[in-house]
């Protein structure tokens, strides 16, 4: 089961910054789901995954936000 991080209500780049801090202490291979509703989240999270070497599994709409599934 993936850990769910709910960053709805935060403006970019806060969701990605908070994700980066939170995942620093997580083991490699962990899967996280990130909910965020800021308008640039999909682009920001895609770029972060590329730059940080994380695997972006999917980005789908959920609960009025975008939900990104990421494997660390």
PDB file of N, CA and C in Angstrom:
ATOM      1  N   UNK A   1       0.846  -1.194   0.000  1.00  0.00           N
ATOM      2  CA  UNK A   1       0.000   0.000   0.000  1.00  0.00           C
ATOM      3  C   UNK A   1       0.882   1.246   0.000  1.00  0.00           C
ATOM      4  N   UNK A   2       0.558   2.176  -0.858  1.00  0.00           N
ATOM      5  CA  UNK A   2       1.336   3.407  -0.966  1.00  0.00           C
ATOM      6  C   UNK A   2       0.974   4.364   0.158  1.00  0.00           C
ATOM      7  N   UNK A   3       1.954   5.141   0.580  1.00  0.00           N
ATOM      8  CA  UNK A   3       1.687   6.192   1.564  1.00  0.00           C
ATOM      9  C   UNK A   3       1.051   7.366   0.835  1.00  0.00           C
ATOM     10  N   UNK A   4      -0.012   7.922   1.403  1.00  0.00           N
ATOM     11  CA  UNK A   4      -0.720   9.034   0.789  1.00  0.00           C
ATOM     12  C   UNK A   4      -0.297  10.342   1.452  1.00  0.00           C
ATOM     13  N   UNK A   5       0.147  11.279   0.627  1.00  0.00           N
ATOM     14  CA  UNK A   5       0.504  12.618   1.095  1.00  0.00           C
ATOM     15  C   UNK A   5      -0.483  13.592   0.473  1.00  0.00           C
ATOM     16  N   UNK A   6      -1.237  14.285   1.310  1.00  0.00           N
ATOM     17  CA  UNK A   6      -2.279  15.193   0.829  1.00  0.00           C
ATOM     18  C   UNK A   6      -1.787  16.631   0.927  1.00  0.00           C
ATOM     19  N   UNK A   7      -1.463  17.206  -0.215  1.00  0.00           N
ATOM     20  CA  UNK A   7      -0.970  18.575  -0.274  1.00  0.00           C
ATOM     21  C   UNK A   7      -1.974  19.510  -0.965  1.00  0.00           C
ATOM     22  N   UNK A   8      -3.247  19.132  -0.925  1.00  0.00           N
ATOM     23  CA  UNK A   8      -4.270  20.015  -1.509  1.00  0.00           C
ATOM     24  C   UNK A   8      -4.311  21.322  -0.733  1.00  0.00           C
ATOM     25  N   UNK A   9      -4.559  22.402  -1.482  1.00  0.00           N
ATOM     26  CA  UNK A   9      -4.640  23.715  -0.866  1.00  0.00           C
ATOM     27  C   UNK A   9      -3.310  24.463  -0.870  1.00  0.00           C
ATOM     28  N   UNK A  10      -2.228  23.778  -1.192  1.00  0.00           N
ATOM     29  CA  UNK A  10      -0.922  24.428  -1.266  1.00  0.00           C
ATOM     30  C   UNK A  10      -0.654  24.876  -2.695  1.00  0.00           C
ATOM     31  N   UNK A  11      -0.016  26.008  -2.833  1.00  0.00           N
ATOM     32  CA  UNK A  11       0.344  26.523  -4.159  1.00  0.00           C
ATOM     33  C   UNK A  11       1.727  26.040  -4.537  1.00  0.00           C
ATOM     34  N   UNK A  12       1.896  25.754  -5.820  1.00  0.00           N
ATOM     35  CA  UNK A  12       3.197  25.310  -6.317  1.00  0.00           C
ATOM     36  C   UNK A  12       4.226  26.415  -6.098  1.00  0.00           C
ATOM     37  N   UNK A  13       5.418  26.042  -5.723  1.00  0.00           N
ATOM     38  CA  UNK A  13       6.021  24.715  -5.728  1.00  0.00           C
ATOM     39  C   UNK A  13       5.940  23.980  -4.394  1.00  0.00           C
ATOM     40  N   UNK A  14       5.107  24.416  -3.460  1.00  0.00           N
ATOM     41  CA  UNK A  14       5.064  23.817  -2.127  1.00  0.00           C
ATOM     42  C   UNK A  14       4.823  22.306  -2.119  1.00  0.00           C
ATOM     43  N   UNK A  15       3.892  21.760  -2.924  1.00  0.00           N
ATOM     44  CA  UNK A  15       3.707  20.303  -2.881  1.00  0.00           C
ATOM     45  C   UNK A  15       4.987  19.529  -3.220  1.00  0.00           C
ATOM     46  N   UNK A  16       5.710  19.975  -4.231  1.00  0.00           N
ATOM     47  CA  UNK A  16       6.934  19.274  -4.624  1.00  0.00           C
ATOM     48  C   UNK A  16       8.020  19.461  -3.570  1.00  0.00           C
ATOM     49  N   UNK A  17       8.129  20.641  -3.003  1.00  0.00           N
ATOM     50  CA  UNK A  17       9.132  20.877  -1.962  1.00  0.00           C
ATOM     51  C   UNK A  17       8.840  20.023  -0.731  1.00  0.00           C
ATOM     52  N   UNK A  18       7.589  19.958  -0.318  1.00  0.00           N
ATOM     53  CA  UNK A  18       7.224  19.142   0.838  1.00  0.00           C
ATOM     54  C   UNK A  18       7.439  17.657   0.551  1.00  0.00           C
ATOM     55  N   UNK A  19       7.150  17.246  -0.675  1.00  0.00           N
ATOM     56  CA  UNK A  19       7.395  15.860  -1.063  1.00  0.00           C
ATOM     57  C   UNK A  19       8.887  15.532  -0.992  1.00  0.00           C
ATOM     58  N   UNK A  20       9.717  16.408  -1.492  1.00  0.00           N
ATOM     59  CA  UNK A  20      11.167  16.180  -1.479  1.00  0.00           C
ATOM     60  C   UNK A  20      11.675  16.020  -0.052  1.00  0.00           C
ATOM     61  N   UNK A  21      11.194  16.854   0.852  1.00  0.00           N
ATOM     62  CA  UNK A  21      11.616  16.762   2.260  1.00  0.00           C
ATOM     63  C   UNK A  21      11.129  15.454   2.876  1.00  0.00           C
ATOM     64  N   UNK A  22       9.858  15.133   2.656  1.00  0.00           N
ATOM     65  CA  UNK A  22       9.252  13.927   3.248  1.00  0.00           C
ATOM     66  C   UNK A  22       9.935  12.650   2.745  1.00  0.00           C
ATOM     67  N   UNK A  23      10.280  12.602   1.467  1.00  0.00           N
ATOM     68  CA  UNK A  23      10.826  11.371   0.900  1.00  0.00           C
ATOM     69  C   UNK A  23      12.311  11.171   1.206  1.00  0.00           C
ATOM     70  N   UNK A  24      12.984  12.189   1.715  1.00  0.00           N
ATOM     71  CA  UNK A  24      14.402  12.038   2.073  1.00  0.00           C
ATOM     72  C   UNK A  24      14.623  10.920   3.081  1.00  0.00           C
ATOM     73  N   UNK A  25      13.655  10.683   3.956  1.00  0.00           N
ATOM     74  CA  UNK A  25      13.805   9.668   5.000  1.00  0.00           C
ATOM     75  C   UNK A  25      13.145   8.336   4.639  1.00  0.00           C
ATOM     76  N   UNK A  26      12.598   8.226   3.435  1.00  0.00           N
ATOM     77  CA  UNK A  26      11.928   6.992   3.019  1.00  0.00           C
ATOM     78  C   UNK A  26      12.898   6.101   2.252  1.00  0.00           C
ATOM     79  N   UNK A  27      12.771   4.784   2.432  1.00  0.00           N
ATOM     80  CA  UNK A  27      13.664   3.876   1.720  1.00  0.00           C
ATOM     81  C   UNK A  27      13.379   3.825   0.220  1.00  0.00           C
ATOM     82  N   UNK A  28      14.432   3.551  -0.546  1.00  0.00           N
ATOM     83  CA  UNK A  28      14.294   3.387  -1.988  1.00  0.00           C
ATOM     84  C   UNK A  28      13.317   2.245  -2.256  1.00  0.00           C
ATOM     85  N   UNK A  29      12.474   2.424  -3.263  1.00  0.00           N
ATOM     86  CA  UNK A  29      11.480   1.414  -3.597  1.00  0.00           C
ATOM     87  C   UNK A  29      10.113   1.693  -3.010  1.00  0.00           C
ATOM     88  N   UNK A  30      10.045   2.635  -2.055  1.00  0.00           N
ATOM     89  CA  UNK A  30       8.769   3.017  -1.456  1.00  0.00           C
ATOM     90  C   UNK A  30       7.883   3.669  -2.520  1.00  0.00           C
ATOM     91  N   UNK A  31       6.593   3.394  -2.453  1.00  0.00           N
ATOM     92  CA  UNK A  31       5.634   4.036  -3.355  1.00  0.00           C
ATOM     93  C   UNK A  31       4.818   5.046  -2.560  1.00  0.00           C
ATOM     94  N   UNK A  32       4.700   6.252  -3.100  1.00  0.00           N
ATOM     95  CA  UNK A  32       3.892   7.289  -2.467  1.00  0.00           C
ATOM     96  C   UNK A  32       2.866   7.805  -3.468  1.00  0.00           C
ATOM     97  N   UNK A  33       1.735   8.226  -2.931  1.00  0.00           N
ATOM     98  CA  UNK A  33       0.712   8.914  -3.719  1.00  0.00           C
ATOM     99  C   UNK A  33       0.629  10.331  -3.192  1.00  0.00           C
ATOM    100  N   UNK A  34       0.642  11.284  -4.106  1.00  0.00           N
ATOM    101  CA  UNK A  34       0.625  12.692  -3.731  1.00  0.00           C
ATOM    102  C   UNK A  34      -0.606  13.352  -4.341  1.00  0.00           C
ATOM    103  N   UNK A  35      -1.453  13.893  -3.483  1.00  0.00           N
ATOM    104  CA  UNK A  35      -2.619  14.655  -3.937  1.00  0.00           C
ATOM    105  C   UNK A  35      -2.284  16.139  -3.893  1.00  0.00           C
ATOM    106  N   UNK A  36      -2.520  16.827  -4.993  1.00  0.00           N
ATOM    107  CA  UNK A  36      -2.299  18.275  -5.034  1.00  0.00           C
ATOM    108  C   UNK A  36      -3.253  18.889  -6.048  1.00  0.00           C
ATOM    109  N   UNK A  37      -3.704  20.095  -5.745  1.00  0.00           N
ATOM    110  CA  UNK A  37      -4.680  20.741  -6.622  1.00  0.00           C
ATOM    111  C   UNK A  37      -4.188  22.044  -7.253  1.00  0.00           C
ATOM    112  N   UNK A  38      -2.910  22.352  -7.134  1.00  0.00           N
ATOM    113  CA  UNK A  38      -2.409  23.561  -7.800  1.00  0.00           C
ATOM    114  C   UNK A  38      -2.286  23.281  -9.302  1.00  0.00           C
ATOM    115  N   UNK A  39      -2.423  24.304 -10.095  1.00  0.00           N
ATOM    116  CA  UNK A  39      -2.547  24.118 -11.543  1.00  0.00           C
ATOM    117  C   UNK A  39      -1.263  23.659 -12.239  1.00  0.00           C
ATOM    118  N   UNK A  40      -0.100  23.827 -11.645  1.00  0.00           N
ATOM    119  CA  UNK A  40       1.143  23.388 -12.289  1.00  0.00           C
ATOM    120  C   UNK A  40       1.696  22.088 -11.705  1.00  0.00           C
ATOM    121  N   UNK A  41       0.936  21.426 -10.850  1.00  0.00           N
ATOM    122  CA  UNK A  41       1.443  20.245 -10.166  1.00  0.00           C
ATOM    123  C   UNK A  41       1.901  19.152 -11.126  1.00  0.00           C
ATOM    124  N   UNK A  42       1.114  18.843 -12.148  1.00  0.00           N
ATOM    125  CA  UNK A  42       1.478  17.756 -13.063  1.00  0.00           C
ATOM    126  C   UNK A  42       2.834  18.011 -13.718  1.00  0.00           C
ATOM    127  N   UNK A  43       3.055  19.223 -14.168  1.00  0.00           N
ATOM    128  CA  UNK A  43       4.340  19.577 -14.784  1.00  0.00           C
ATOM    129  C   UNK A  43       5.454  19.569 -13.749  1.00  0.00           C
ATOM    130  N   UNK A  44       5.194  20.158 -12.581  1.00  0.00           N
ATOM    131  CA  UNK A  44       6.215  20.236 -11.534  1.00  0.00           C
ATOM    132  C   UNK A  44       6.641  18.850 -11.052  1.00  0.00           C
ATOM    133  N   UNK A  45       5.684  17.959 -10.831  1.00  0.00           N
ATOM    134  CA  UNK A  45       6.017  16.638 -10.303  1.00  0.00           C
ATOM    135  C   UNK A  45       6.733  15.803 -11.366  1.00  0.00           C
ATOM    136  N   UNK A  46       6.347  15.970 -12.626  1.00  0.00           N
ATOM    137  CA  UNK A  46       7.037  15.271 -13.716  1.00  0.00           C
ATOM    138  C   UNK A  46       8.499  15.690 -13.774  1.00  0.00           C
ATOM    139  N   UNK A  47       8.743  17.003 -13.722  1.00  0.00           N
ATOM    140  CA  UNK A  47      10.123  17.511 -13.757  1.00  0.00           C
ATOM    141  C   UNK A  47      10.920  17.060 -12.539  1.00  0.00           C
ATOM    142  N   UNK A  48      10.299  17.064 -11.365  1.00  0.00           N
ATOM    143  CA  UNK A  48      10.991  16.640 -10.149  1.00  0.00           C
ATOM    144  C   UNK A  48      11.400  15.177 -10.241  1.00  0.00           C
ATOM    145  N   UNK A  49      10.503  14.339 -10.741  1.00  0.00           N
ATOM    146  CA  UNK A  49      10.822  12.914 -10.874  1.00  0.00           C
ATOM    147  C   UNK A  49      11.993  12.705 -11.826  1.00  0.00           C
ATOM    148  N   UNK A  50      12.006  13.403 -12.929  1.00  0.00           N
ATOM    149  CA  UNK A  50      13.101  13.277 -13.893  1.00  0.00           C
ATOM    150  C   UNK A  50      14.416  13.711 -13.254  1.00  0.00           C
ATOM    151  N   UNK A  51      14.412  14.868 -12.605  1.00  0.00           N
ATOM    152  CA  UNK A  51      15.638  15.414 -12.018  1.00  0.00           C
ATOM    153  C   UNK A  51      16.141  14.608 -10.831  1.00  0.00           C
ATOM    154  N   UNK A  52      15.225  14.000 -10.073  1.00  0.00           N
ATOM    155  CA  UNK A  52      15.623  13.293  -8.850  1.00  0.00           C
ATOM    156  C   UNK A  52      15.770  11.782  -9.044  1.00  0.00           C
ATOM    157  N   UNK A  53      15.474  11.299 -10.236  1.00  0.00           N
ATOM    158  CA  UNK A  53      15.617   9.872 -10.497  1.00  0.00           C
ATOM    159  C   UNK A  53      14.506   9.009  -9.930  1.00  0.00           C
ATOM    160  N   UNK A  54      13.368   9.615  -9.643  1.00  0.00           N
ATOM    161  CA  UNK A  54      12.210   8.863  -9.148  1.00  0.00           C
ATOM    162  C   UNK A  54      11.358   8.409 -10.336  1.00  0.00           C
ATOM    163  N   UNK A  55      10.541   7.390 -10.123  1.00  0.00           N
ATOM    164  CA  UNK A  55       9.697   6.868 -11.197  1.00  0.00           C
ATOM    165  C   UNK A  55       8.274   7.404 -11.026  1.00  0.00           C
ATOM    166  N   UNK A  56       7.818   8.177 -11.997  1.00  0.00           N
ATOM    167  CA  UNK A  56       6.442   8.663 -11.998  1.00  0.00           C
ATOM    168  C   UNK A  56       5.585   7.570 -12.624  1.00  0.00           C
ATOM    169  N   UNK A  57       4.827   6.873 -11.800  1.00  0.00           N
ATOM    170  CA  UNK A  57       4.015   5.757 -12.262  1.00  0.00           C
ATOM    171  C   UNK A  57       2.774   6.261 -12.988  1.00  0.00           C
ATOM    172  N   UNK A  58       2.103   7.257 -12.408  1.00  0.00           N
ATOM    173  CA  UNK A  58       0.894   7.802 -13.032  1.00  0.00           C
ATOM    174  C   UNK A  58       0.513   9.136 -12.407  1.00  0.00           C
ATOM    175  N   UNK A  59      -0.277   9.881 -13.157  1.00  0.00           N
ATOM    176  CA  UNK A  59      -0.959  11.080 -12.636  1.00  0.00           C
ATOM    177  C   UNK A  59      -2.401  10.963 -13.101  1.00  0.00           C
ATOM    178  N   UNK A  60      -3.320  10.897 -12.132  1.00  0.00           N
ATOM    179  CA  UNK A  60      -4.733  10.743 -12.454  1.00  0.00           C
ATOM    180  C   UNK A  60      -5.564  11.688 -11.579  1.00  0.00           C
ATOM    181  N   UNK A  61      -6.742  12.092 -12.073  1.00  0.00           N
ATOM    182  CA  UNK A  61      -7.627  12.908 -11.239  1.00  0.00           C
ATOM    183  C   UNK A  61      -8.195  12.079 -10.085  1.00  0.00           C
ATOM    184  N   UNK A  62      -8.244  12.697  -8.884  1.00  0.00           N
ATOM    185  CA  UNK A  62      -8.864  12.036  -7.728  1.00  0.00           C
ATOM    186  C   UNK A  62      -9.292  13.091  -6.713  1.00  0.00           C
ATOM    187  N   UNK A  63     -10.511  12.997  -6.269  1.00  0.00           N
ATOM    188  CA  UNK A  63     -11.038  13.866  -5.206  1.00  0.00           C
ATOM    189  C   UNK A  63     -10.811  15.346  -5.492  1.00  0.00           C
ATOM    190  N   UNK A  64     -11.034  15.770  -6.721  1.00  0.00           N
ATOM    191  CA  UNK A  64     -10.908  17.178  -7.091  1.00  0.00           C
ATOM    192  C   UNK A  64      -9.475  17.662  -7.216  1.00  0.00           C
ATOM    193  N   UNK A  65      -8.539  16.724  -7.320  1.00  0.00           N
ATOM    194  CA  UNK A  65      -7.123  17.089  -7.417  1.00  0.00           C
ATOM    195  C   UNK A  65      -6.444  16.125  -8.387  1.00  0.00           C
ATOM    196  N   UNK A  66      -5.146  16.312  -8.563  1.00  0.00           N
ATOM    197  CA  UNK A  66      -4.333  15.348  -9.299  1.00  0.00           C
ATOM    198  C   UNK A  66      -3.654  14.444  -8.269  1.00  0.00           C
ATOM    199  N   UNK A  67      -3.624  13.152  -8.572  1.00  0.00           N
ATOM    200  CA  UNK A  67      -2.946  12.198  -7.715  1.00  0.00           C
ATOM    201  C   UNK A  67      -1.779  11.598  -8.489  1.00  0.00           C
ATOM    202  N   UNK A  68      -0.573  11.871  -8.022  1.00  0.00           N
ATOM    203  CA  UNK A  68       0.622  11.323  -8.649  1.00  0.00           C
ATOM    204  C   UNK A  68       1.104  10.135  -7.826  1.00  0.00           C
ATOM    205  N   UNK A  69       1.322   9.014  -8.492  1.00  0.00           N
ATOM    206  CA  UNK A  69       1.899   7.838  -7.855  1.00  0.00           C
ATOM    207  C   UNK A  69       3.366   7.781  -8.256  1.00  0.00           C
ATOM    208  N   UNK A  70       4.234   7.735  -7.259  1.00  0.00           N
ATOM    209  CA  UNK A  70       5.676   7.832  -7.479  1.00  0.00           C
ATOM    210  C   UNK A  70       6.372   6.693  -6.754  1.00  0.00           C
ATOM    211  N   UNK A  71       7.306   6.063  -7.440  1.00  0.00           N
ATOM    212  CA  UNK A  71       8.152   5.062  -6.780  1.00  0.00           C
ATOM    213  C   UNK A  71       9.519   5.690  -6.555  1.00  0.00           C
ATOM    214  N   UNK A  72       9.952   5.652  -5.308  1.00  0.00           N
ATOM    215  CA  UNK A  72      11.225   6.263  -4.947  1.00  0.00           C
ATOM    216  C   UNK A  72      12.379   5.363  -5.341  1.00  0.00           C
TER     217      UNK A  72
END
